[in-house]
Each structure stands twice: as C-alpha cells, then as structure tokens.
Amino acid sequence: MQNLHEELFVQIERKREEMILLGNHHGLTSPEVIQASQQLDRLLNHLGYLKKHPCQIK
C-alpha cells in the first residue's frame, strides 16, 4: 500500500509541475492548463479515497 501512495505522490508532483509550466507558457485559463488541473484533481481525489478507505486496496 505504501508503494501506491508513494507513486501517487510522485504523479501528483509531476502533474503540478506540468501545470505550472503550461500556465507559464499558455496562460492560466488555457485549455491545456485546465486539462492538467482536472487530471491533478483526479489524482488528488484518488489519494483522498485511498486514505479514507485503506482496506479497499489489494
């Protein structure tokens, strides 16, 4: 389970960095930044779910 959390943390950090770079290049309201933000939200929601429901992980 720890490896899954660690992998999610890595994915979250990478997506944050990508979103910042896209925002700097395209502007914060660009479709690319919005898409990256939505992907980041999904990763964060997944992490939150796993923290609330640890017994669901196999």
PDB file of N, CA and C in Angstrom:
ATOM      1  N   MET A   1       0.821  -1.192   0.000  1.00  0.00           N
ATOM      2  CA  MET A   1       0.000   0.000   0.000  1.00  0.00           C
ATOM      3  C   MET A   1       0.865   1.256   0.000  1.00  0.00           C
ATOM      4  N   GLN A   2       1.949   1.228   0.716  1.00  0.00           N
ATOM      5  CA  GLN A   2       2.826   2.398   0.775  1.00  0.00           C
ATOM      6  C   GLN A   2       3.355   2.751  -0.612  1.00  0.00           C
ATOM      7  N   ASN A   3       3.678   1.730  -1.406  1.00  0.00           N
ATOM      8  CA  ASN A   3       4.184   1.999  -2.753  1.00  0.00           C
ATOM      9  C   ASN A   3       3.149   2.716  -3.613  1.00  0.00           C
ATOM     10  N   LEU A   4       1.883   2.348  -3.452  1.00  0.00           N
ATOM     11  CA  LEU A   4       0.822   3.001  -4.217  1.00  0.00           C
ATOM     12  C   LEU A   4       0.718   4.469  -3.812  1.00  0.00           C
ATOM     13  N   HIS A   5       0.771   4.738  -2.505  1.00  0.00           N
ATOM     14  CA  HIS A   5       0.741   6.128  -2.042  1.00  0.00           C
ATOM     15  C   HIS A   5       1.954   6.900  -2.571  1.00  0.00           C
ATOM     16  N   GLU A   6       3.115   6.292  -2.498  1.00  0.00           N
ATOM     17  CA  GLU A   6       4.319   6.961  -2.982  1.00  0.00           C
ATOM     18  C   GLU A   6       4.221   7.259  -4.472  1.00  0.00           C
ATOM     19  N   GLU A   7       3.712   6.316  -5.241  1.00  0.00           N
ATOM     20  CA  GLU A   7       3.560   6.515  -6.682  1.00  0.00           C
ATOM     21  C   GLU A   7       2.570   7.644  -6.965  1.00  0.00           C
ATOM     22  N   LEU A   8       1.489   7.686  -6.206  1.00  0.00           N
ATOM     23  CA  LEU A   8       0.528   8.768  -6.386  1.00  0.00           C
ATOM     24  C   LEU A   8       1.148  10.118  -6.050  1.00  0.00           C
ATOM     25  N   PHE A   9       1.937  10.183  -4.978  1.00  0.00           N
ATOM     26  CA  PHE A   9       2.615  11.431  -4.624  1.00  0.00           C
ATOM     27  C   PHE A   9       3.533  11.886  -5.761  1.00  0.00           C
ATOM     28  N   VAL A  10       4.240  10.955  -6.371  1.00  0.00           N
ATOM     29  CA  VAL A  10       5.127  11.290  -7.485  1.00  0.00           C
ATOM     30  C   VAL A  10       4.305  11.804  -8.671  1.00  0.00           C
ATOM     31  N   GLN A  11       3.215  11.115  -8.987  1.00  0.00           N
ATOM     32  CA  GLN A  11       2.364  11.542 -10.095  1.00  0.00           C
ATOM     33  C   GLN A  11       1.765  12.922  -9.836  1.00  0.00           C
ATOM     34  N   ILE A  12       1.356  13.160  -8.600  1.00  0.00           N
ATOM     35  CA  ILE A  12       0.780  14.452  -8.235  1.00  0.00           C
ATOM     36  C   ILE A  12       1.808  15.561  -8.402  1.00  0.00           C
ATOM     37  N   GLU A  13       3.008  15.321  -7.919  1.00  0.00           N
ATOM     38  CA  GLU A  13       4.051  16.351  -8.024  1.00  0.00           C
ATOM     39  C   GLU A  13       4.410  16.625  -9.479  1.00  0.00           C
ATOM     40  N   ARG A  14       4.497  15.581 -10.290  1.00  0.00           N
ATOM     41  CA  ARG A  14       4.790  15.769 -11.716  1.00  0.00           C
ATOM     42  C   ARG A  14       3.691  16.555 -12.411  1.00  0.00           C
ATOM     43  N   LYS A  15       2.438  16.237 -12.078  1.00  0.00           N
ATOM     44  CA  LYS A  15       1.316  16.938 -12.704  1.00  0.00           C
ATOM     45  C   LYS A  15       1.285  18.395 -12.275  1.00  0.00           C
ATOM     46  N   ARG A  16       1.614  18.682 -11.022  1.00  0.00           N
ATOM     47  CA  ARG A  16       1.687  20.074 -10.558  1.00  0.00           C
ATOM     48  C   ARG A  16       2.746  20.845 -11.340  1.00  0.00           C
ATOM     49  N   GLU A  17       3.906  20.221 -11.487  1.00  0.00           N
ATOM     50  CA  GLU A  17       4.988  20.870 -12.229  1.00  0.00           C
ATOM     51  C   GLU A  17       4.581  21.113 -13.678  1.00  0.00           C
ATOM     52  N   GLU A  18       3.939  20.121 -14.289  1.00  0.00           N
ATOM     53  CA  GLU A  18       3.468  20.269 -15.670  1.00  0.00           C
ATOM     54  C   GLU A  18       2.470  21.415 -15.770  1.00  0.00           C
ATOM     55  N   MET A  19       1.552  21.487 -14.824  1.00  0.00           N
ATOM     56  CA  MET A  19       0.531  22.528 -14.840  1.00  0.00           C
ATOM     57  C   MET A  19       1.158  23.917 -14.707  1.00  0.00           C
ATOM     58  N   ILE A  20       2.149  24.044 -13.857  1.00  0.00           N
ATOM     59  CA  ILE A  20       2.841  25.332 -13.690  1.00  0.00           C
ATOM     60  C   ILE A  20       3.534  25.733 -14.987  1.00  0.00           C
ATOM     61  N   LEU A  21       4.242  24.782 -15.602  1.00  0.00           N
ATOM     62  CA  LEU A  21       4.921  25.086 -16.870  1.00  0.00           C
ATOM     63  C   LEU A  21       3.926  25.472 -17.954  1.00  0.00           C
ATOM     64  N   LEU A  22       2.831  24.733 -18.034  1.00  0.00           N
ATOM     65  CA  LEU A  22       1.813  25.056 -19.034  1.00  0.00           C
ATOM     66  C   LEU A  22       1.208  26.430 -18.767  1.00  0.00           C
ATOM     67  N   GLY A  23       0.970  26.735 -17.500  1.00  0.00           N
ATOM     68  CA  GLY A  23       0.417  28.037 -17.149  1.00  0.00           C
ATOM     69  C   GLY A  23       1.348  29.170 -17.516  1.00  0.00           C
ATOM     70  N   ASN A  24       2.630  28.975 -17.297  1.00  0.00           N
ATOM     71  CA  ASN A  24       3.614  29.993 -17.652  1.00  0.00           C
ATOM     72  C   ASN A  24       3.702  30.183 -19.165  1.00  0.00           C
ATOM     73  N   HIS A  25       3.507  29.120 -19.892  1.00  0.00           N
ATOM     74  CA  HIS A  25       3.652  29.179 -21.352  1.00  0.00           C
ATOM     75  C   HIS A  25       2.363  29.597 -22.061  1.00  0.00           C
ATOM     76  N   HIS A  26       1.225  29.058 -21.618  1.00  0.00           N
ATOM     77  CA  HIS A  26      -0.037  29.266 -22.336  1.00  0.00           C
ATOM     78  C   HIS A  26      -1.002  30.216 -21.632  1.00  0.00           C
ATOM     79  N   GLY A  27      -0.767  30.509 -20.373  1.00  0.00           N
ATOM     80  CA  GLY A  27      -1.725  31.292 -19.590  1.00  0.00           C
ATOM     81  C   GLY A  27      -2.586  30.367 -18.738  1.00  0.00           C
ATOM     82  N   LEU A  28      -3.002  30.883 -17.608  1.00  0.00           N
ATOM     83  CA  LEU A  28      -3.680  30.041 -16.625  1.00  0.00           C
ATOM     84  C   LEU A  28      -5.053  29.545 -17.048  1.00  0.00           C
ATOM     85  N   THR A  29      -5.683  30.202 -18.011  1.00  0.00           N
ATOM     86  CA  THR A  29      -7.026  29.785 -18.431  1.00  0.00           C
ATOM     87  C   THR A  29      -7.014  28.999 -19.741  1.00  0.00           C
ATOM     88  N   SER A  30      -5.845  28.599 -20.188  1.00  0.00           N
ATOM     89  CA  SER A  30      -5.761  27.855 -21.448  1.00  0.00           C
ATOM     90  C   SER A  30      -6.343  26.448 -21.266  1.00  0.00           C
ATOM     91  N   PRO A  31      -6.839  25.871 -22.348  1.00  0.00           N
ATOM     92  CA  PRO A  31      -7.379  24.509 -22.279  1.00  0.00           C
ATOM     93  C   PRO A  31      -6.351  23.494 -21.758  1.00  0.00           C
ATOM     94  N   GLU A  32      -5.089  23.696 -22.103  1.00  0.00           N
ATOM     95  CA  GLU A  32      -4.047  22.774 -21.643  1.00  0.00           C
ATOM     96  C   GLU A  32      -3.911  22.806 -20.123  1.00  0.00           C
ATOM     97  N   VAL A  33      -3.959  23.996 -19.545  1.00  0.00           N
ATOM     98  CA  VAL A  33      -3.838  24.127 -18.090  1.00  0.00           C
ATOM     99  C   VAL A  33      -5.087  23.585 -17.405  1.00  0.00           C
ATOM    100  N   ILE A  34      -6.239  23.856 -17.969  1.00  0.00           N
ATOM    101  CA  ILE A  34      -7.485  23.344 -17.393  1.00  0.00           C
ATOM    102  C   ILE A  34      -7.486  21.823 -17.405  1.00  0.00           C
ATOM    103  N   GLN A  35      -7.029  21.226 -18.488  1.00  0.00           N
ATOM    104  CA  GLN A  35      -6.967  19.773 -18.576  1.00  0.00           C
ATOM    105  C   GLN A  35      -5.993  19.217 -17.533  1.00  0.00           C
ATOM    106  N   ALA A  36      -4.833  19.827 -17.405  1.00  0.00           N
ATOM    107  CA  ALA A  36      -3.856  19.379 -16.416  1.00  0.00           C
ATOM    108  C   ALA A  36      -4.417  19.529 -14.998  1.00  0.00           C
ATOM    109  N   SER A  37      -5.150  20.596 -14.766  1.00  0.00           N
ATOM    110  CA  SER A  37      -5.769  20.827 -13.456  1.00  0.00           C
ATOM    111  C   SER A  37      -6.799  19.748 -13.144  1.00  0.00           C
ATOM    112  N   GLN A  38      -7.575  19.373 -14.130  1.00  0.00           N
ATOM    113  CA  GLN A  38      -8.566  18.314 -13.934  1.00  0.00           C
ATOM    114  C   GLN A  38      -7.887  16.976 -13.670  1.00  0.00           C
ATOM    115  N   GLN A  39      -6.800  16.716 -14.365  1.00  0.00           N
ATOM    116  CA  GLN A  39      -6.046  15.480 -14.124  1.00  0.00           C
ATOM    117  C   GLN A  39      -5.455  15.474 -12.716  1.00  0.00           C
ATOM    118  N   LEU A  40      -4.945  16.619 -12.280  1.00  0.00           N
ATOM    119  CA  LEU A  40      -4.413  16.748 -10.932  1.00  0.00           C
ATOM    120  C   LEU A  40      -5.522  16.520  -9.909  1.00  0.00           C
ATOM    121  N   ASP A  41      -6.685  17.083 -10.150  1.00  0.00           N
ATOM    122  CA  ASP A  41      -7.825  16.867  -9.249  1.00  0.00           C
ATOM    123  C   ASP A  41      -8.155  15.390  -9.114  1.00  0.00           C
ATOM    124  N   ARG A  42      -8.146  14.669 -10.232  1.00  0.00           N
ATOM    125  CA  ARG A  42      -8.448  13.235 -10.185  1.00  0.00           C
ATOM    126  C   ARG A  42      -7.410  12.481  -9.358  1.00  0.00           C
ATOM    127  N   LEU A  43      -6.138  12.831  -9.536  1.00  0.00           N
ATOM    128  CA  LEU A  43      -5.086  12.184  -8.748  1.00  0.00           C
ATOM    129  C   LEU A  43      -5.262  12.479  -7.258  1.00  0.00           C
ATOM    130  N   LEU A  44      -5.556  13.729  -6.929  1.00  0.00           N
ATOM    131  CA  LEU A  44      -5.758  14.095  -5.527  1.00  0.00           C
ATOM    132  C   LEU A  44      -6.992  13.406  -4.942  1.00  0.00           C
ATOM    133  N   ASN A  45      -8.053  13.312  -5.736  1.00  0.00           N
ATOM    134  CA  ASN A  45      -9.253  12.601  -5.278  1.00  0.00           C
ATOM    135  C   ASN A  45      -8.950  11.123  -5.037  1.00  0.00           C
ATOM    136  N   HIS A  46      -8.182  10.530  -5.910  1.00  0.00           N
ATOM    137  CA  HIS A  46      -7.799   9.129  -5.758  1.00  0.00           C
ATOM    138  C   HIS A  46      -7.009   8.934  -4.462  1.00  0.00           C
ATOM    139  N   LEU A  47      -6.060   9.817  -4.217  1.00  0.00           N
ATOM    140  CA  LEU A  47      -5.272   9.736  -2.989  1.00  0.00           C
ATOM    141  C   LEU A  47      -6.173   9.900  -1.771  1.00  0.00           C
ATOM    142  N   GLY A  48      -7.089  10.849  -1.815  1.00  0.00           N
ATOM    143  CA  GLY A  48      -8.015  11.044  -0.703  1.00  0.00           C
ATOM    144  C   GLY A  48      -8.877   9.823  -0.459  1.00  0.00           C
ATOM    145  N   TYR A  49      -9.337   9.196  -1.532  1.00  0.00           N
ATOM    146  CA  TYR A  49     -10.139   7.981  -1.398  1.00  0.00           C
ATOM    147  C   TYR A  49      -9.332   6.870  -0.741  1.00  0.00           C
ATOM    148  N   LEU A  50      -8.104   6.695  -1.200  1.00  0.00           N
ATOM    149  CA  LEU A  50      -7.267   5.632  -0.634  1.00  0.00           C
ATOM    150  C   LEU A  50      -6.981   5.863   0.843  1.00  0.00           C
ATOM    151  N   LYS A  51      -6.844   7.118   1.238  1.00  0.00           N
ATOM    152  CA  LYS A  51      -6.608   7.425   2.650  1.00  0.00           C
ATOM    153  C   LYS A  51      -7.847   7.147   3.497  1.00  0.00           C
ATOM    154  N   LYS A  52      -9.026   7.375   2.919  1.00  0.00           N
ATOM    155  CA  LYS A  52     -10.278   7.130   3.651  1.00  0.00           C
ATOM    156  C   LYS A  52     -10.668   5.672   3.678  1.00  0.00           C
ATOM    157  N   HIS A  53     -10.262   4.944   2.652  1.00  0.00           N
ATOM    158  CA  HIS A  53     -10.678   3.539   2.505  1.00  0.00           C
ATOM    159  C   HIS A  53      -9.458   2.639   2.323  1.00  0.00           C
ATOM    160  N   PRO A  54      -8.588   2.556   3.281  1.00  0.00           N
ATOM    161  CA  PRO A  54      -7.363   1.765   3.105  1.00  0.00           C
ATOM    162  C   PRO A  54      -7.618   0.273   2.929  1.00  0.00           C
ATOM    163  N   CYS A  55      -8.731  -0.226   3.439  1.00  0.00           N
ATOM    164  CA  CYS A  55      -9.000  -1.656   3.319  1.00  0.00           C
ATOM    165  C   CYS A  55      -9.445  -2.040   1.915  1.00  0.00           C
ATOM    166  N   GLN A  56      -9.732  -1.076   1.063  1.00  0.00           N
ATOM    167  CA  GLN A  56     -10.162  -1.341  -0.310  1.00  0.00           C
ATOM    168  C   GLN A  56      -9.004  -1.698  -1.239  1.00  0.00           C
ATOM    169  N   ILE A  57      -7.776  -1.499  -0.772  1.00  0.00           N
ATOM    170  CA  ILE A  57      -6.589  -1.733  -1.600  1.00  0.00           C
ATOM    171  C   ILE A  57      -6.173  -3.183  -1.476  1.00  0.00           C
ATOM    172  N   LYS A  58      -5.927  -3.794  -2.614  1.00  0.00           N
ATOM    173  CA  LYS A  58      -5.484  -5.200  -2.620  1.00  0.00           C
ATOM    174  C   LYS A  58      -4.139  -5.294  -3.262  1.00  0.00           C
TER     175      LYS A  58
END
